[in-house]
């Protein structure tokens, strides 16, 4: 099958997306790729959003959904085995293009090997070299023919190091409406129009749920003690529903809590405030214009290593993009039930402050909203040119 994007709408490519957020981004990218190349064949590692676009997953994306140095070490042998097997498959198949979606620890090394063998490589989502691990820039230069950037300041930074890149906007900014319909989301979930609602998102990885679920639900119990009428809604990744349900039960929240199978966008649209794990979900919350309290805990050794490599005073994406502590971040030892609960209550008790941060999120949404699918596929077409 020809790699020339101008021939018969045919393209064969391999992709790897390593977790829930990567699967979501890759699924949106695949929509654009399918429009441009109607006979697209795509395979590799991915999840349900990619599968809905015709993607063939050789391994599920959950296999790579591990964060933190110590946590990765526990799964190191399996992850390296998957990468080695996939690399051998791709070197035998020789698809014209490989797209690594986020998951830089897995993808950049794989991309380097494929590129050295003559397979063209695109990396979608620039690693956060502006936040930590700045030394990774050399690895990006070796690995990627082109980087698709989701934040506007990244292409200039990469260009200074000789790396070709294109700002494509953030795909979620085109999917999430500028004015989310809170009333419709509440009706869909079964919440009252005037109820105070807190969405709890304890992460999409098993390690995150292990470290955060009990703490977040204990914080919810504290909130309930102060404001008994508050309702809680929890969108649980299906694969992690059981441990999340168990943590909620231990907290004794009873009928005040509604557990959803996925549906995180509905939960964010419906809530007044969210208590949320640091990660891509915090940007989703900002695009839904929801005030938030960002919490995070991890293995103590992983925390010490990451702290030493941090280049900015912020961890949460909304704060990084706004260049200010617009929403509170309570990390590691600071992420106690009492402090998390107090920060959520501070939002609920300060409607003017809530309105001010929502205006900042509106401006951020406009900045990130681009025709991502077209910009990305145009850049990919250029990479594929002989």
Protein backbone atom coordinates (compact mmCIF):
# COMPACT_ATOMS: atom_id res chain seq x y z
CA UNK A 1 0.00 0.00 0.00
CA UNK A 2 1.40 3.38 -0.96
CA UNK A 3 2.56 5.87 1.65
CA UNK A 4 1.78 8.77 -0.66
CA UNK A 5 -1.15 10.60 0.97
CA UNK A 6 -2.42 11.74 -2.42
CA UNK A 7 -3.14 8.22 -3.72
CA UNK A 8 -6.56 6.65 -3.37
CA UNK A 9 -7.06 7.72 0.23
CA UNK A 10 -4.92 4.80 1.40
CA UNK A 11 -2.57 4.88 4.38
CA UNK A 12 -1.24 2.24 6.75
CA UNK A 13 0.18 3.34 10.07
CA UNK A 14 0.99 2.17 13.57
CA UNK A 15 0.11 4.06 16.74
CA UNK A 16 0.67 3.75 20.47
CA UNK A 17 -1.47 5.54 23.07
CA UNK A 18 -0.61 4.52 26.59
CA UNK A 19 -3.49 5.47 28.84
CA UNK A 20 -7.01 6.90 29.01
CA UNK A 21 -6.04 10.46 28.06
CA UNK A 22 -3.85 9.24 25.20
CA UNK A 23 -6.64 7.01 23.90
CA UNK A 24 -8.98 10.01 23.91
CA UNK A 25 -6.51 12.21 22.01
CA UNK A 26 -5.64 9.42 19.57
CA UNK A 27 -9.32 8.72 18.93
CA UNK A 28 -9.88 12.36 17.97
CA UNK A 29 -6.79 12.31 15.73
CA UNK A 30 -7.98 9.11 14.05
CA UNK A 31 -11.26 10.84 13.13
CA UNK A 32 -9.28 13.36 11.09
CA UNK A 33 -7.01 10.71 9.62
CA UNK A 34 -10.02 8.66 8.53
CA UNK A 35 -11.53 11.69 6.79
CA UNK A 36 -8.33 12.38 4.89
CA UNK A 37 -7.45 8.75 4.16
CA UNK A 38 -10.77 6.83 4.00
CA UNK A 39 -8.99 3.49 3.55
CA UNK A 40 -6.82 4.00 6.62
CA UNK A 41 -5.40 0.93 8.36
CA UNK A 42 -4.14 1.65 11.87
CA UNK A 43 -2.88 -0.77 14.52
CA UNK A 44 -0.70 -0.92 17.63
CA UNK A 45 -1.58 -0.16 21.26
CA UNK A 46 -4.76 1.72 22.11
CA UNK A 47 -8.11 1.83 23.80
CA UNK A 48 -11.84 2.03 23.12
CA UNK A 49 -11.91 5.52 21.58
CA UNK A 50 -9.36 4.38 19.01
CA UNK A 51 -11.21 1.12 18.42
CA UNK A 52 -14.35 3.09 17.53
CA UNK A 53 -12.33 4.63 14.67
CA UNK A 54 -11.38 1.20 13.31
CA UNK A 55 -8.06 0.89 15.16
CA UNK A 56 -6.75 -2.64 15.76
CA UNK A 57 -5.26 -2.92 19.26
CA UNK A 58 -2.57 -5.58 19.60
CA UNK A 59 -2.32 -4.72 23.31
CA UNK A 60 -4.75 -2.64 25.42
CA UNK A 61 -3.65 0.82 26.49
CA UNK A 62 -4.02 -0.10 30.18
CA UNK A 63 -0.76 -2.05 29.93
CA UNK A 64 1.15 1.24 29.79
CA UNK A 65 -0.94 3.24 32.28
CA UNK A 66 1.72 3.50 34.98
CA UNK A 67 3.04 6.74 36.52
CA UNK A 68 6.01 7.24 38.83
CA UNK A 69 9.52 5.80 38.85
CA UNK A 70 8.92 3.09 41.43
CA UNK A 71 5.59 2.12 39.87
CA UNK A 72 7.22 1.76 36.44
CA UNK A 73 9.96 -0.43 37.92
CA UNK A 74 7.31 -2.84 39.20
CA UNK A 75 6.00 -3.30 35.65
CA UNK A 76 9.29 -2.78 33.86
CA UNK A 77 9.78 -6.30 32.53
CA UNK A 78 6.28 -6.52 31.05
CA UNK A 79 6.42 -3.04 29.51
CA UNK A 80 9.85 -3.61 27.96
CA UNK A 81 8.66 -6.96 26.64
CA UNK A 82 5.67 -5.32 24.96
CA UNK A 83 7.86 -2.62 23.41
CA UNK A 84 10.36 -5.18 22.15
CA UNK A 85 7.61 -7.33 20.61
CA UNK A 86 5.89 -4.34 19.00
CA UNK A 87 9.17 -3.03 17.61
CA UNK A 88 9.92 -6.40 16.02
CA UNK A 89 6.42 -6.49 14.52
CA UNK A 90 6.77 -2.99 13.07
CA UNK A 91 10.23 -3.60 11.67
CA UNK A 92 8.83 -6.66 9.92
CA UNK A 93 5.66 -4.90 8.69
CA UNK A 94 7.38 -1.58 7.92
CA UNK A 95 4.33 0.73 8.00
CA UNK A 96 5.08 4.07 6.31
CA UNK A 97 4.35 5.97 9.50
CA UNK A 98 4.38 5.54 13.27
CA UNK A 99 2.53 7.98 15.55
CA UNK A 100 3.36 7.93 19.24
CA UNK A 101 0.62 9.58 21.28
CA UNK A 102 1.99 10.94 24.56
CA UNK A 103 3.48 8.11 26.74
CA UNK A 104 7.00 9.48 26.10
CA UNK A 105 8.82 6.95 28.28
CA UNK A 106 7.48 4.18 26.05
CA UNK A 107 7.16 5.93 22.71
CA UNK A 108 10.33 7.98 22.30
CA UNK A 109 12.63 4.99 22.58
CA UNK A 110 10.44 3.02 20.18
CA UNK A 111 10.32 5.95 17.74
CA UNK A 112 14.10 6.28 17.77
CA UNK A 113 14.55 2.66 16.74
CA UNK A 114 11.91 2.87 14.02
CA UNK A 115 13.26 6.14 12.66
CA UNK A 116 16.77 4.73 12.50
CA UNK A 117 15.33 1.89 10.41
CA UNK A 118 13.75 4.36 7.96
CA UNK A 119 10.17 4.44 9.27
CA UNK A 120 8.87 8.00 9.59
CA UNK A 121 7.76 9.03 13.06
CA UNK A 122 5.41 11.64 14.48
CA UNK A 123 5.05 12.32 18.19
CA UNK A 124 1.68 13.76 19.23
CA UNK A 125 1.85 15.83 22.44
CA UNK A 126 5.20 17.40 23.16
CA UNK A 127 6.71 16.01 26.36
CA UNK A 128 6.59 18.67 29.06
CA UNK A 129 10.25 19.63 28.78
CA UNK A 130 9.21 23.13 29.90
CA UNK A 131 7.98 21.71 33.22
CA UNK A 132 10.52 19.00 34.05
CA UNK A 133 13.18 16.71 32.50
CA UNK A 134 14.53 19.36 30.13
CA UNK A 135 17.31 16.94 29.16
CA UNK A 136 14.77 14.93 27.21
CA UNK A 137 15.07 17.37 24.29
CA UNK A 138 17.95 15.37 22.78
CA UNK A 139 15.86 12.22 22.89
CA UNK A 140 12.99 13.99 21.09
CA UNK A 141 15.40 15.18 18.37
CA UNK A 142 16.59 11.59 17.79
CA UNK A 143 13.11 10.09 17.89
CA UNK A 144 10.64 12.26 16.01
CA UNK A 145 10.55 13.50 12.43
CA UNK A 146 7.80 15.87 13.56
CA UNK A 147 6.08 16.82 16.82
CA UNK A 148 2.41 17.80 16.99
CA UNK A 149 2.10 20.31 19.83
CA UNK A 150 -1.05 20.99 21.81
CA UNK A 151 0.17 24.19 23.48
CA UNK A 152 1.04 27.35 21.49
CA UNK A 153 4.46 28.07 22.99
CA UNK A 154 5.93 24.63 22.26
CA UNK A 155 6.88 24.80 18.52
CA UNK A 156 9.20 27.78 19.06
CA UNK A 157 10.87 25.99 21.96
CA UNK A 158 11.41 22.86 19.85
CA UNK A 159 12.56 24.84 16.80
CA UNK A 160 15.35 26.35 18.89
CA UNK A 161 16.69 22.80 19.22
CA UNK A 162 16.27 21.88 15.56
CA UNK A 163 13.05 19.89 15.94
CA UNK A 164 10.24 20.32 13.41
CA UNK A 165 6.90 20.94 15.11
CA UNK A 166 3.37 22.24 14.49
CA UNK A 167 0.90 23.76 16.92
CA UNK A 168 -2.38 21.94 16.31
CA UNK A 169 -4.37 23.16 19.31
CA UNK A 170 -5.76 20.88 21.95
CA UNK A 171 -8.31 18.41 20.52
CA UNK A 172 -10.41 18.58 23.67
CA UNK A 173 -10.89 22.32 23.18
CA UNK A 174 -12.78 21.53 19.98
CA UNK A 175 -14.90 18.81 21.58
CA UNK A 176 -15.88 20.50 24.83
CA UNK A 177 -18.36 23.35 24.24
CA UNK A 178 -17.49 26.89 25.23
CA UNK A 179 -20.70 26.99 27.27
CA UNK A 180 -21.30 23.52 28.80
CA UNK A 181 -24.95 22.65 29.37
CA UNK A 182 -25.01 22.10 33.12
CA UNK A 183 -28.78 21.60 33.30
CA UNK A 184 -28.76 18.84 30.66
CA UNK A 185 -25.82 17.09 32.35
CA UNK A 186 -27.60 17.18 35.69
CA UNK A 187 -30.78 15.75 34.20
CA UNK A 188 -28.79 12.94 32.59
CA UNK A 189 -27.18 12.03 35.91
CA UNK A 190 -30.28 12.56 38.02
CA UNK A 191 -29.16 15.63 39.96
CA UNK A 192 -31.34 18.56 40.95
CA UNK A 193 -30.95 21.92 39.28
CA UNK A 194 -30.15 23.80 42.48
CA UNK A 195 -28.13 21.17 44.34
CA UNK A 196 -24.48 21.84 45.16
CA UNK A 197 -22.47 19.17 43.36
CA UNK A 198 -18.82 18.14 43.75
CA UNK A 199 -17.27 15.84 41.13
CA UNK A 200 -14.56 13.53 42.46
CA UNK A 201 -11.98 12.25 39.96
CA UNK A 202 -9.32 10.16 41.74
CA UNK A 203 -7.38 9.30 38.58
CA UNK A 204 -7.45 6.95 35.63
CA UNK A 205 -4.54 4.71 36.63
CA UNK A 206 -4.63 1.93 39.21
CA UNK A 207 -1.68 3.50 41.07
CA UNK A 208 -3.50 6.85 41.29
CA UNK A 209 -6.66 5.25 42.65
CA UNK A 210 -4.58 3.33 45.18
CA UNK A 211 -2.97 6.51 46.53
CA UNK A 212 -5.86 8.96 46.12
CA UNK A 213 -9.29 7.32 46.34
CA UNK A 214 -9.47 6.92 50.12
CA UNK A 215 -8.05 10.41 50.70
CA UNK A 216 -10.49 12.01 48.25
CA UNK A 217 -13.52 10.21 49.69
CA UNK A 218 -12.47 11.04 53.25
CA UNK A 219 -12.31 14.67 52.12
CA UNK A 220 -15.84 14.27 50.72
CA UNK A 221 -16.96 13.00 54.11
CA UNK A 222 -15.51 16.15 55.70
CA UNK A 223 -17.37 18.31 53.17
CA UNK A 224 -20.59 16.41 53.89
CA UNK A 225 -20.16 17.01 57.62
CA UNK A 226 -20.01 20.78 57.05
CA UNK A 227 -22.57 20.93 54.22
CA UNK A 228 -24.86 17.88 54.48
CA UNK A 229 -26.84 18.75 51.33
CA UNK A 230 -23.83 18.54 48.97
CA UNK A 231 -24.03 15.77 46.37
CA UNK A 232 -21.00 13.93 44.99
CA UNK A 233 -20.64 12.43 41.53
CA UNK A 234 -17.79 10.07 40.66
CA UNK A 235 -17.02 9.06 37.05
CA UNK A 236 -15.13 5.78 37.42
CA UNK A 237 -12.98 4.29 34.67
CA UNK A 238 -14.69 0.91 34.16
CA UNK A 239 -11.50 -1.06 34.81
CA UNK A 240 -11.10 0.73 38.18
CA UNK A 241 -14.74 0.78 39.25
CA UNK A 242 -14.34 -1.87 41.97
CA UNK A 243 -11.54 -0.20 44.00
CA UNK A 244 -13.24 3.21 43.60
CA UNK A 245 -16.56 1.75 44.76
CA UNK A 246 -14.85 0.12 47.74
CA UNK A 247 -13.17 3.39 48.75
CA UNK A 248 -16.48 5.24 48.49
CA UNK A 249 -18.15 2.60 50.65
CA UNK A 250 -15.42 2.91 53.30
CA UNK A 251 -16.07 6.65 53.50
CA UNK A 252 -19.76 6.04 54.22
CA UNK A 253 -21.13 8.68 51.86
CA UNK A 254 -24.33 6.72 51.22
CA UNK A 255 -26.97 8.21 48.92
CA UNK A 256 -25.06 11.49 48.66
CA UNK A 257 -22.75 9.83 46.13
CA UNK A 258 -23.54 8.84 42.54
CA UNK A 259 -21.02 6.50 40.89
CA UNK A 260 -20.94 6.62 37.09
CA UNK A 261 -19.43 4.20 34.57
CA UNK A 262 -17.09 6.64 32.84
CA UNK A 263 -19.02 9.75 31.72
CA UNK A 264 -16.40 12.12 33.11
CA UNK A 265 -17.49 14.92 30.78
CA UNK A 266 -21.06 14.73 32.08
CA UNK A 267 -19.78 14.80 35.65
CA UNK A 268 -17.63 17.86 34.97
CA UNK A 269 -20.44 19.63 33.13
CA UNK A 270 -22.83 18.94 36.02
CA UNK A 271 -20.66 19.89 38.99
CA UNK A 272 -19.99 23.17 40.76
CA UNK A 273 -16.46 22.21 41.83
CA UNK A 274 -14.24 19.19 41.23
CA UNK A 275 -11.72 17.47 43.48
CA UNK A 276 -9.40 16.01 40.89
CA UNK A 277 -6.14 14.13 40.40
CA UNK A 278 -3.37 16.01 38.62
CA UNK A 279 -3.20 15.12 34.93
CA UNK A 280 -5.03 15.72 31.66
CA UNK A 281 -8.38 15.64 33.47
CA UNK A 282 -7.51 18.98 35.09
CA UNK A 283 -7.37 20.59 31.65
CA UNK A 284 -10.73 19.00 30.82
CA UNK A 285 -12.13 20.53 34.00
CA UNK A 286 -10.75 23.94 32.99
CA UNK A 287 -12.35 23.63 29.54
CA UNK A 288 -15.64 22.88 31.29
CA UNK A 289 -14.99 26.13 33.25
CA UNK A 290 -15.10 24.32 36.58
CA UNK A 291 -13.19 25.52 39.64
CA UNK A 292 -11.10 22.68 41.03
CA UNK A 293 -8.85 21.47 43.79
CA UNK A 294 -5.95 19.46 42.40
CA UNK A 295 -4.65 16.68 44.61
CA UNK A 296 -1.92 14.13 44.07
CA UNK A 297 0.01 11.47 45.96
CA UNK A 298 2.49 8.88 44.76
CA UNK A 299 5.21 6.59 46.03
CA UNK A 300 7.53 8.61 48.30
CA UNK A 301 10.69 7.84 46.30
CA UNK A 302 8.99 8.75 43.00
CA UNK A 303 7.86 12.01 44.58
CA UNK A 304 11.38 12.95 45.67
CA UNK A 305 12.80 12.24 42.21
CA UNK A 306 10.10 14.23 40.42
CA UNK A 307 10.42 17.16 42.84
CA UNK A 308 14.12 17.48 42.06
CA UNK A 309 13.44 17.60 38.32
CA UNK A 310 10.61 20.16 38.42
CA UNK A 311 11.27 23.39 36.51
CA UNK A 312 8.12 25.31 37.48
CA UNK A 313 6.22 26.05 40.69
CA UNK A 314 3.03 24.52 39.29
CA UNK A 315 1.97 20.93 38.62
CA UNK A 316 -1.62 21.31 37.36
CA UNK A 317 -2.04 22.05 33.65
CA UNK A 318 -4.47 24.97 34.19
CA UNK A 319 -1.95 26.70 36.45
CA UNK A 320 0.96 25.99 34.09
CA UNK A 321 -0.92 27.43 31.11
CA UNK A 322 -2.19 30.45 33.02
CA UNK A 323 1.23 30.97 34.64
CA UNK A 324 -0.30 31.45 38.07
CA UNK A 325 -1.74 29.46 40.95
CA UNK A 326 -5.30 29.94 39.69
CA UNK A 327 -6.53 26.79 41.46
CA UNK A 328 -5.09 25.16 44.59
CA UNK A 329 -2.66 22.27 44.34
CA UNK A 330 -2.31 19.98 47.34
CA UNK A 331 0.42 17.44 46.72
CA UNK A 332 1.84 14.47 48.60
CA UNK A 333 1.87 15.26 52.36
CA UNK A 334 -0.29 18.35 51.82
CA UNK A 335 -3.04 16.23 50.23
CA UNK A 336 -4.84 15.46 53.48
CA UNK A 337 -8.60 14.98 53.75
CA UNK A 338 -8.93 18.08 55.93
CA UNK A 339 -6.99 20.38 53.59
CA UNK A 340 -8.65 19.03 50.44
CA UNK A 341 -12.09 19.46 52.00
CA UNK A 342 -11.31 22.99 53.20
CA UNK A 343 -10.16 24.00 49.71
CA UNK A 344 -13.33 22.65 48.10
CA UNK A 345 -15.47 24.46 50.66
CA UNK A 346 -13.53 27.68 49.98
CA UNK A 347 -14.74 27.52 46.35
CA UNK A 348 -18.34 26.78 47.34
CA UNK A 349 -18.33 29.71 49.74
CA UNK A 350 -16.86 32.22 47.24
CA UNK A 351 -19.04 32.63 44.13
CA UNK A 352 -17.16 35.77 43.02
CA UNK A 353 -13.85 33.91 43.09
CA UNK A 354 -15.44 31.06 41.15
CA UNK A 355 -16.69 33.47 38.49
CA UNK A 356 -13.25 35.08 38.15
CA UNK A 357 -11.45 31.77 37.52
CA UNK A 358 -14.16 30.73 35.08
CA UNK A 359 -13.41 33.85 33.01
CA UNK A 360 -9.75 32.83 32.88
CA UNK A 361 -10.77 29.36 31.72
CA UNK A 362 -12.92 30.88 28.95
CA UNK A 363 -9.89 32.78 27.62
CA UNK A 364 -7.75 29.65 27.84
CA UNK A 365 -10.36 27.67 25.90
CA UNK A 366 -10.28 30.21 23.04
CA UNK A 367 -6.49 30.03 22.93
CA UNK A 368 -6.42 26.22 22.68
CA UNK A 369 -9.28 25.82 20.21
CA UNK A 370 -8.05 25.12 16.67
CA UNK A 371 -9.05 22.78 13.83
CA UNK A 372 -6.79 20.14 15.34
CA UNK A 373 -7.71 17.29 12.99
CA UNK A 374 -6.98 19.33 9.85
CA UNK A 375 -3.78 20.91 11.19
CA UNK A 376 -2.49 17.54 12.39
CA UNK A 377 -3.30 15.67 9.19
CA UNK A 378 -1.75 18.46 7.08
CA UNK A 379 1.46 18.13 9.09
CA UNK A 380 1.36 14.32 8.81
CA UNK A 381 0.86 14.58 5.04
CA UNK A 382 4.02 16.70 4.83
CA UNK A 383 5.98 14.12 6.82
CA UNK A 384 4.82 11.44 4.38
CA UNK A 385 5.94 13.32 1.26
CA UNK A 386 8.72 11.45 -0.59
